[in-house]
Amino acid sequence: MVPETSEMLKQLLTLFQRVIIKGNRSVGGGFQTHDTATFVATGNGFIAKGITFRNTAGAASKQAVALLSTSDSGLYD
């Protein structure tokens, strides 16, 4: 887990034109649906620009979540 105030993460993401964050947790893998999220945005005002959140578990693995956001006033571009 990366702290929401991580300056290092902010700096790393600005180095790339396109970022893909992948995970493969699924209900079929023994997780609860909310625990399958590849990325969780909890900080208010979260901004994701040029980022793809992908869960690669596949349909055979049952339910899975790529992005779980509880952020108020989030922006996704």
PDB file of N, CA and C in Angstrom:
ATOM      1  N   MET A   1       0.842  -1.181   0.000  1.00  0.00           N
ATOM      2  CA  MET A   1       0.000   0.000   0.000  1.00  0.00           C
ATOM      3  C   MET A   1       0.889   1.247   0.000  1.00  0.00           C
ATOM      4  N   VAL A   2       0.558   2.175  -0.871  1.00  0.00           N
ATOM      5  CA  VAL A   2       1.306   3.423  -0.977  1.00  0.00           C
ATOM      6  C   VAL A   2       0.497   4.518  -0.293  1.00  0.00           C
ATOM      7  N   PRO A   3       1.092   5.275   0.613  1.00  0.00           N
ATOM      8  CA  PRO A   3       0.358   6.362   1.264  1.00  0.00           C
ATOM      9  C   PRO A   3      -0.174   7.362   0.244  1.00  0.00           C
ATOM     10  N   GLU A   4      -1.354   7.904   0.515  1.00  0.00           N
ATOM     11  CA  GLU A   4      -1.982   8.826  -0.433  1.00  0.00           C
ATOM     12  C   GLU A   4      -1.185  10.105  -0.637  1.00  0.00           C
ATOM     13  N   THR A   5      -0.274  10.415   0.262  1.00  0.00           N
ATOM     14  CA  THR A   5       0.532  11.628   0.145  1.00  0.00           C
ATOM     15  C   THR A   5       1.925  11.343  -0.409  1.00  0.00           C
ATOM     16  N   SER A   6       2.107  10.188  -1.002  1.00  0.00           N
ATOM     17  CA  SER A   6       3.424   9.773  -1.464  1.00  0.00           C
ATOM     18  C   SER A   6       3.940  10.654  -2.605  1.00  0.00           C
ATOM     19  N   GLU A   7       4.917  11.494  -2.319  1.00  0.00           N
ATOM     20  CA  GLU A   7       5.536  12.341  -3.347  1.00  0.00           C
ATOM     21  C   GLU A   7       6.291  11.485  -4.352  1.00  0.00           C
ATOM     22  N   MET A   8       6.886  10.383  -3.888  1.00  0.00           N
ATOM     23  CA  MET A   8       7.625   9.503  -4.784  1.00  0.00           C
ATOM     24  C   MET A   8       6.704   8.944  -5.871  1.00  0.00           C
ATOM     25  N   LEU A   9       5.500   8.516  -5.483  1.00  0.00           N
ATOM     26  CA  LEU A   9       4.543   7.997  -6.457  1.00  0.00           C
ATOM     27  C   LEU A   9       4.156   9.080  -7.454  1.00  0.00           C
ATOM     28  N   LYS A  10       3.894  10.278  -6.994  1.00  0.00           N
ATOM     29  CA  LYS A  10       3.531  11.388  -7.885  1.00  0.00           C
ATOM     30  C   LYS A  10       4.636  11.659  -8.893  1.00  0.00           C
ATOM     31  N   GLN A  11       5.871  11.639  -8.439  1.00  0.00           N
ATOM     32  CA  GLN A  11       7.000  11.907  -9.324  1.00  0.00           C
ATOM     33  C   GLN A  11       7.178  10.789 -10.344  1.00  0.00           C
ATOM     34  N   LEU A  12       7.025   9.538  -9.912  1.00  0.00           N
ATOM     35  CA  LEU A  12       7.171   8.415 -10.838  1.00  0.00           C
ATOM     36  C   LEU A  12       6.110   8.439 -11.928  1.00  0.00           C
ATOM     37  N   LEU A  13       4.880   8.734 -11.566  1.00  0.00           N
ATOM     38  CA  LEU A  13       3.797   8.732 -12.545  1.00  0.00           C
ATOM     39  C   LEU A  13       3.942   9.846 -13.569  1.00  0.00           C
ATOM     40  N   THR A  14       4.601  10.947 -13.222  1.00  0.00           N
ATOM     41  CA  THR A  14       4.782  12.034 -14.179  1.00  0.00           C
ATOM     42  C   THR A  14       5.887  11.727 -15.192  1.00  0.00           C
ATOM     43  N   LEU A  15       6.690  10.707 -14.949  1.00  0.00           N
ATOM     44  CA  LEU A  15       7.759  10.335 -15.873  1.00  0.00           C
ATOM     45  C   LEU A  15       7.249   9.576 -17.096  1.00  0.00           C
ATOM     46  N   PHE A  16       6.072   9.009 -16.980  1.00  0.00           N
ATOM     47  CA  PHE A  16       5.550   8.149 -18.031  1.00  0.00           C
ATOM     48  C   PHE A  16       4.374   8.797 -18.743  1.00  0.00           C
ATOM     49  N   GLN A  17       4.278   8.543 -20.050  1.00  0.00           N
ATOM     50  CA  GLN A  17       3.143   9.033 -20.819  1.00  0.00           C
ATOM     51  C   GLN A  17       1.888   8.211 -20.509  1.00  0.00           C
ATOM     52  N   ARG A  18       2.060   6.921 -20.334  1.00  0.00           N
ATOM     53  CA  ARG A  18       0.930   6.016 -20.114  1.00  0.00           C
ATOM     54  C   ARG A  18       1.339   4.975 -19.075  1.00  0.00           C
ATOM     55  N   VAL A  19       0.533   4.820 -18.044  1.00  0.00           N
ATOM     56  CA  VAL A  19       0.819   3.871 -16.969  1.00  0.00           C
ATOM     57  C   VAL A  19      -0.300   2.850 -16.921  1.00  0.00           C
ATOM     58  N   ILE A  20       0.057   1.569 -16.824  1.00  0.00           N
ATOM     59  CA  ILE A  20      -0.917   0.497 -16.649  1.00  0.00           C
ATOM     60  C   ILE A  20      -0.602  -0.200 -15.340  1.00  0.00           C
ATOM     61  N   ILE A  21      -1.584  -0.210 -14.442  1.00  0.00           N
ATOM     62  CA  ILE A  21      -1.438  -0.883 -13.152  1.00  0.00           C
ATOM     63  C   ILE A  21      -2.300  -2.130 -13.216  1.00  0.00           C
ATOM     64  N   LYS A  22      -1.673  -3.312 -13.090  1.00  0.00           N
ATOM     65  CA  LYS A  22      -2.385  -4.572 -13.270  1.00  0.00           C
ATOM     66  C   LYS A  22      -2.388  -5.408 -11.995  1.00  0.00           C
ATOM     67  N   GLY A  23      -3.456  -6.155 -11.825  1.00  0.00           N
ATOM     68  CA  GLY A  23      -3.578  -7.117 -10.741  1.00  0.00           C
ATOM     69  C   GLY A  23      -4.439  -8.269 -11.224  1.00  0.00           C
ATOM     70  N   ASN A  24      -4.495  -9.364 -10.458  1.00  0.00           N
ATOM     71  CA  ASN A  24      -5.291 -10.508 -10.916  1.00  0.00           C
ATOM     72  C   ASN A  24      -6.064 -11.210  -9.794  1.00  0.00           C
ATOM     73  N   ARG A  25      -6.332 -10.519  -8.707  1.00  0.00           N
ATOM     74  CA  ARG A  25      -7.131 -11.116  -7.640  1.00  0.00           C
ATOM     75  C   ARG A  25      -8.582 -11.242  -8.092  1.00  0.00           C
ATOM     76  N   SER A  26      -9.247 -12.300  -7.608  1.00  0.00           N
ATOM     77  CA  SER A  26     -10.644 -12.523  -7.977  1.00  0.00           C
ATOM     78  C   SER A  26     -11.368 -13.289  -6.884  1.00  0.00           C
ATOM     79  N   VAL A  27     -12.698 -13.314  -7.003  1.00  0.00           N
ATOM     80  CA  VAL A  27     -13.516 -14.102  -6.078  1.00  0.00           C
ATOM     81  C   VAL A  27     -13.172 -15.582  -6.239  1.00  0.00           C
ATOM     82  N   GLY A  28     -12.950 -16.010  -7.476  1.00  0.00           N
ATOM     83  CA  GLY A  28     -12.564 -17.399  -7.744  1.00  0.00           C
ATOM     84  C   GLY A  28     -11.224 -17.764  -7.124  1.00  0.00           C
ATOM     85  N   GLY A  29     -10.405 -16.769  -6.829  1.00  0.00           N
ATOM     86  CA  GLY A  29      -9.103 -16.988  -6.193  1.00  0.00           C
ATOM     87  C   GLY A  29      -9.180 -16.974  -4.673  1.00  0.00           C
ATOM     88  N   GLY A  30     -10.412 -16.865  -4.141  1.00  0.00           N
ATOM     89  CA  GLY A  30     -10.587 -16.924  -2.693  1.00  0.00           C
ATOM     90  C   GLY A  30     -10.718 -15.586  -1.983  1.00  0.00           C
ATOM     91  N   PHE A  31     -10.836 -14.492  -2.722  1.00  0.00           N
ATOM     92  CA  PHE A  31     -10.951 -13.160  -2.132  1.00  0.00           C
ATOM     93  C   PHE A  31     -12.403 -12.701  -2.128  1.00  0.00           C
ATOM     94  N   GLN A  32     -12.761 -11.825  -1.191  1.00  0.00           N
ATOM     95  CA  GLN A  32     -14.048 -11.142  -1.239  1.00  0.00           C
ATOM     96  C   GLN A  32     -13.968 -10.109  -2.366  1.00  0.00           C
ATOM     97  N   THR A  33     -15.101  -9.776  -2.978  1.00  0.00           N
ATOM     98  CA  THR A  33     -15.101  -8.872  -4.132  1.00  0.00           C
ATOM     99  C   THR A  33     -14.344  -7.573  -3.854  1.00  0.00           C
ATOM    100  N   HIS A  34     -14.595  -6.933  -2.713  1.00  0.00           N
ATOM    101  CA  HIS A  34     -13.937  -5.649  -2.430  1.00  0.00           C
ATOM    102  C   HIS A  34     -12.432  -5.801  -2.201  1.00  0.00           C
ATOM    103  N   ASP A  35     -11.973  -7.013  -1.934  1.00  0.00           N
ATOM    104  CA  ASP A  35     -10.537  -7.254  -1.737  1.00  0.00           C
ATOM    105  C   ASP A  35      -9.812  -7.596  -3.037  1.00  0.00           C
ATOM    106  N   THR A  36     -10.534  -7.651  -4.159  1.00  0.00           N
ATOM    107  CA  THR A  36      -9.906  -7.975  -5.440  1.00  0.00           C
ATOM    108  C   THR A  36      -9.391  -6.745  -6.177  1.00  0.00           C
ATOM    109  N   ALA A  37      -9.666  -5.561  -5.651  1.00  0.00           N
ATOM    110  CA  ALA A  37      -9.317  -4.318  -6.358  1.00  0.00           C
ATOM    111  C   ALA A  37      -7.824  -4.226  -6.658  1.00  0.00           C
ATOM    112  N   THR A  38      -7.512  -3.938  -7.907  1.00  0.00           N
ATOM    113  CA  THR A  38      -6.133  -3.715  -8.319  1.00  0.00           C
ATOM    114  C   THR A  38      -5.610  -2.416  -7.728  1.00  0.00           C
ATOM    115  N   PHE A  39      -6.469  -1.404  -7.648  1.00  0.00           N
ATOM    116  CA  PHE A  39      -6.088  -0.091  -7.128  1.00  0.00           C
ATOM    117  C   PHE A  39      -7.248   0.464  -6.318  1.00  0.00           C
ATOM    118  N   VAL A  40      -6.958   1.034  -5.158  1.00  0.00           N
ATOM    119  CA  VAL A  40      -7.983   1.642  -4.313  1.00  0.00           C
ATOM    120  C   VAL A  40      -7.638   3.112  -4.108  1.00  0.00           C
ATOM    121  N   ALA A  41      -8.566   3.984  -4.503  1.00  0.00           N
ATOM    122  CA  ALA A  41      -8.386   5.428  -4.320  1.00  0.00           C
ATOM    123  C   ALA A  41      -9.261   5.864  -3.151  1.00  0.00           C
ATOM    124  N   THR A  42      -8.630   6.335  -2.065  1.00  0.00           N
ATOM    125  CA  THR A  42      -9.391   6.719  -0.883  1.00  0.00           C
ATOM    126  C   THR A  42      -9.274   8.205  -0.549  1.00  0.00           C
ATOM    127  N   GLY A  43      -8.294   8.877  -1.071  1.00  0.00           N
ATOM    128  CA  GLY A  43      -8.099  10.288  -0.742  1.00  0.00           C
ATOM    129  C   GLY A  43      -9.048  11.184  -1.510  1.00  0.00           C
ATOM    130  N   ASN A  44      -9.666  12.143  -0.846  1.00  0.00           N
ATOM    131  CA  ASN A  44     -10.558  13.078  -1.533  1.00  0.00           C
ATOM    132  C   ASN A  44      -9.780  13.885  -2.555  1.00  0.00           C
ATOM    133  N   GLY A  45     -10.408  14.087  -3.712  1.00  0.00           N
ATOM    134  CA  GLY A  45      -9.763  14.855  -4.771  1.00  0.00           C
ATOM    135  C   GLY A  45      -8.741  14.049  -5.555  1.00  0.00           C
ATOM    136  N   PHE A  46      -8.852  12.716  -5.541  1.00  0.00           N
ATOM    137  CA  PHE A  46      -7.912  11.866  -6.284  1.00  0.00           C
ATOM    138  C   PHE A  46      -8.015  12.164  -7.776  1.00  0.00           C
ATOM    139  N   ILE A  47      -6.872  12.285  -8.453  1.00  0.00           N
ATOM    140  CA  ILE A  47      -6.831  12.544  -9.889  1.00  0.00           C
ATOM    141  C   ILE A  47      -6.011  11.461 -10.570  1.00  0.00           C
ATOM    142  N   ALA A  48      -6.603  10.824 -11.576  1.00  0.00           N
ATOM    143  CA  ALA A  48      -5.890   9.824 -12.376  1.00  0.00           C
ATOM    144  C   ALA A  48      -5.913  10.294 -13.823  1.00  0.00           C
ATOM    145  N   LYS A  49      -4.754  10.579 -14.369  1.00  0.00           N
ATOM    146  CA  LYS A  49      -4.662  11.045 -15.745  1.00  0.00           C
ATOM    147  C   LYS A  49      -3.651  10.184 -16.489  1.00  0.00           C
ATOM    148  N   GLY A  50      -4.085   9.581 -17.578  1.00  0.00           N
ATOM    149  CA  GLY A  50      -3.194   8.739 -18.369  1.00  0.00           C
ATOM    150  C   GLY A  50      -2.840   7.430 -17.691  1.00  0.00           C
ATOM    151  N   ILE A  51      -3.731   6.933 -16.833  1.00  0.00           N
ATOM    152  CA  ILE A  51      -3.479   5.684 -16.107  1.00  0.00           C
ATOM    153  C   ILE A  51      -4.582   4.691 -16.440  1.00  0.00           C
ATOM    154  N   THR A  52      -4.202   3.445 -16.703  1.00  0.00           N
ATOM    155  CA  THR A  52      -5.148   2.364 -16.894  1.00  0.00           C
ATOM    156  C   THR A  52      -5.074   1.445 -15.689  1.00  0.00           C
ATOM    157  N   PHE A  53      -6.222   1.137 -15.105  1.00  0.00           N
ATOM    158  CA  PHE A  53      -6.311   0.188 -14.001  1.00  0.00           C
ATOM    159  C   PHE A  53      -6.935  -1.075 -14.572  1.00  0.00           C
ATOM    160  N   ARG A  54      -6.228  -2.197 -14.452  1.00  0.00           N
ATOM    161  CA  ARG A  54      -6.677  -3.419 -15.119  1.00  0.00           C
ATOM    162  C   ARG A  54      -6.615  -4.603 -14.160  1.00  0.00           C
ATOM    163  N   ASN A  55      -7.712  -5.372 -14.116  1.00  0.00           N
ATOM    164  CA  ASN A  55      -7.699  -6.641 -13.393  1.00  0.00           C
ATOM    165  C   ASN A  55      -7.740  -7.730 -14.449  1.00  0.00           C
ATOM    166  N   THR A  56      -6.737  -8.578 -14.479  1.00  0.00           N
ATOM    167  CA  THR A  56      -6.575  -9.576 -15.529  1.00  0.00           C
ATOM    168  C   THR A  56      -7.043 -10.967 -15.116  1.00  0.00           C
ATOM    169  N   ALA A  57      -7.838 -11.071 -14.068  1.00  0.00           N
ATOM    170  CA  ALA A  57      -8.272 -12.379 -13.574  1.00  0.00           C
ATOM    171  C   ALA A  57      -9.090 -13.149 -14.610  1.00  0.00           C
ATOM    172  N   GLY A  58      -9.908 -12.468 -15.389  1.00  0.00           N
ATOM    173  CA  GLY A  58     -10.695 -13.128 -16.429  1.00  0.00           C
ATOM    174  C   GLY A  58     -12.038 -13.637 -15.932  1.00  0.00           C
ATOM    175  N   ALA A  59     -12.945 -13.858 -16.865  1.00  0.00           N
ATOM    176  CA  ALA A  59     -14.321 -14.241 -16.547  1.00  0.00           C
ATOM    177  C   ALA A  59     -14.414 -15.570 -15.802  1.00  0.00           C
ATOM    178  N   ALA A  60     -13.562 -16.508 -16.085  1.00  0.00           N
ATOM    179  CA  ALA A  60     -13.597 -17.812 -15.423  1.00  0.00           C
ATOM    180  C   ALA A  60     -13.288 -17.714 -13.931  1.00  0.00           C
ATOM    181  N   SER A  61     -12.658 -16.625 -13.528  1.00  0.00           N
ATOM    182  CA  SER A  61     -12.296 -16.429 -12.121  1.00  0.00           C
ATOM    183  C   SER A  61     -13.379 -15.721 -11.328  1.00  0.00           C
ATOM    184  N   LYS A  62     -14.532 -15.530 -11.945  1.00  0.00           N
ATOM    185  CA  LYS A  62     -15.692 -14.871 -11.330  1.00  0.00           C
ATOM    186  C   LYS A  62     -15.439 -13.379 -11.147  1.00  0.00           C
ATOM    187  N   GLN A  63     -16.033 -12.771 -10.129  1.00  0.00           N
ATOM    188  CA  GLN A  63     -15.971 -11.322  -9.981  1.00  0.00           C
ATOM    189  C   GLN A  63     -14.575 -10.818  -9.635  1.00  0.00           C
ATOM    190  N   ALA A  64     -14.273  -9.609 -10.167  1.00  0.00           N
ATOM    191  CA  ALA A  64     -13.004  -8.949  -9.876  1.00  0.00           C
ATOM    192  C   ALA A  64     -13.176  -7.448 -10.108  1.00  0.00           C
ATOM    193  N   VAL A  65     -12.378  -6.654  -9.403  1.00  0.00           N
ATOM    194  CA  VAL A  65     -12.474  -5.198  -9.470  1.00  0.00           C
ATOM    195  C   VAL A  65     -11.129  -4.616  -9.916  1.00  0.00           C
ATOM    196  N   ALA A  66     -11.162  -3.727 -10.895  1.00  0.00           N
ATOM    197  CA  ALA A  66      -9.938  -3.059 -11.334  1.00  0.00           C
ATOM    198  C   ALA A  66      -9.684  -1.802 -10.506  1.00  0.00           C
ATOM    199  N   LEU A  67     -10.708  -0.965 -10.328  1.00  0.00           N
ATOM    200  CA  LEU A  67     -10.564   0.292  -9.587  1.00  0.00           C
ATOM    201  C   LEU A  67     -11.696   0.417  -8.575  1.00  0.00           C
ATOM    202  N   LEU A  68     -11.340   0.584  -7.329  1.00  0.00           N
ATOM    203  CA  LEU A  68     -12.309   0.838  -6.263  1.00  0.00           C
ATOM    204  C   LEU A  68     -12.038   2.235  -5.744  1.00  0.00           C
ATOM    205  N   SER A  69     -13.021   3.110  -5.901  1.00  0.00           N
ATOM    206  CA  SER A  69     -12.830   4.496  -5.480  1.00  0.00           C
ATOM    207  C   SER A  69     -13.869   4.898  -4.442  1.00  0.00           C
ATOM    208  N   THR A  70     -13.379   5.383  -3.310  1.00  0.00           N
ATOM    209  CA  THR A  70     -14.244   5.993  -2.303  1.00  0.00           C
ATOM    210  C   THR A  70     -13.900   7.473  -2.186  1.00  0.00           C
ATOM    211  N   SER A  71     -13.191   7.973  -3.160  1.00  0.00           N
ATOM    212  CA  SER A  71     -12.735   9.362  -3.192  1.00  0.00           C
ATOM    213  C   SER A  71     -13.887  10.291  -3.555  1.00  0.00           C
ATOM    214  N   ASP A  72     -14.054  11.336  -2.790  1.00  0.00           N
ATOM    215  CA  ASP A  72     -15.029  12.370  -3.108  1.00  0.00           C
ATOM    216  C   ASP A  72     -14.379  13.342  -4.099  1.00  0.00           C
ATOM    217  N   SER A  73     -15.076  13.708  -5.137  1.00  0.00           N
ATOM    218  CA  SER A  73     -14.587  14.652  -6.149  1.00  0.00           C
ATOM    219  C   SER A  73     -13.372  14.128  -6.890  1.00  0.00           C
ATOM    220  N   GLY A  74     -13.388  12.840  -7.256  1.00  0.00           N
ATOM    221  CA  GLY A  74     -12.291  12.265  -8.032  1.00  0.00           C
ATOM    222  C   GLY A  74     -12.398  12.647  -9.493  1.00  0.00           C
ATOM    223  N   LEU A  75     -11.272  12.639 -10.208  1.00  0.00           N
ATOM    224  CA  LEU A  75     -11.225  12.964 -11.631  1.00  0.00           C
ATOM    225  C   LEU A  75     -10.439  11.880 -12.348  1.00  0.00           C
ATOM    226  N   TYR A  76     -11.027  11.335 -13.397  1.00  0.00           N
ATOM    227  CA  TYR A  76     -10.386  10.276 -14.185  1.00  0.00           C
ATOM    228  C   TYR A  76     -10.362  10.716 -15.637  1.00  0.00           C
ATOM    229  N   ASP A  77      -9.159  10.792 -16.204  1.00  0.00           N
ATOM    230  CA  ASP A  77      -9.006  11.266 -17.575  1.00  0.00           C
ATOM    231  C   ASP A  77      -8.128  10.305 -18.333  1.00  0.00           C
TER     232      ASP A  77
END
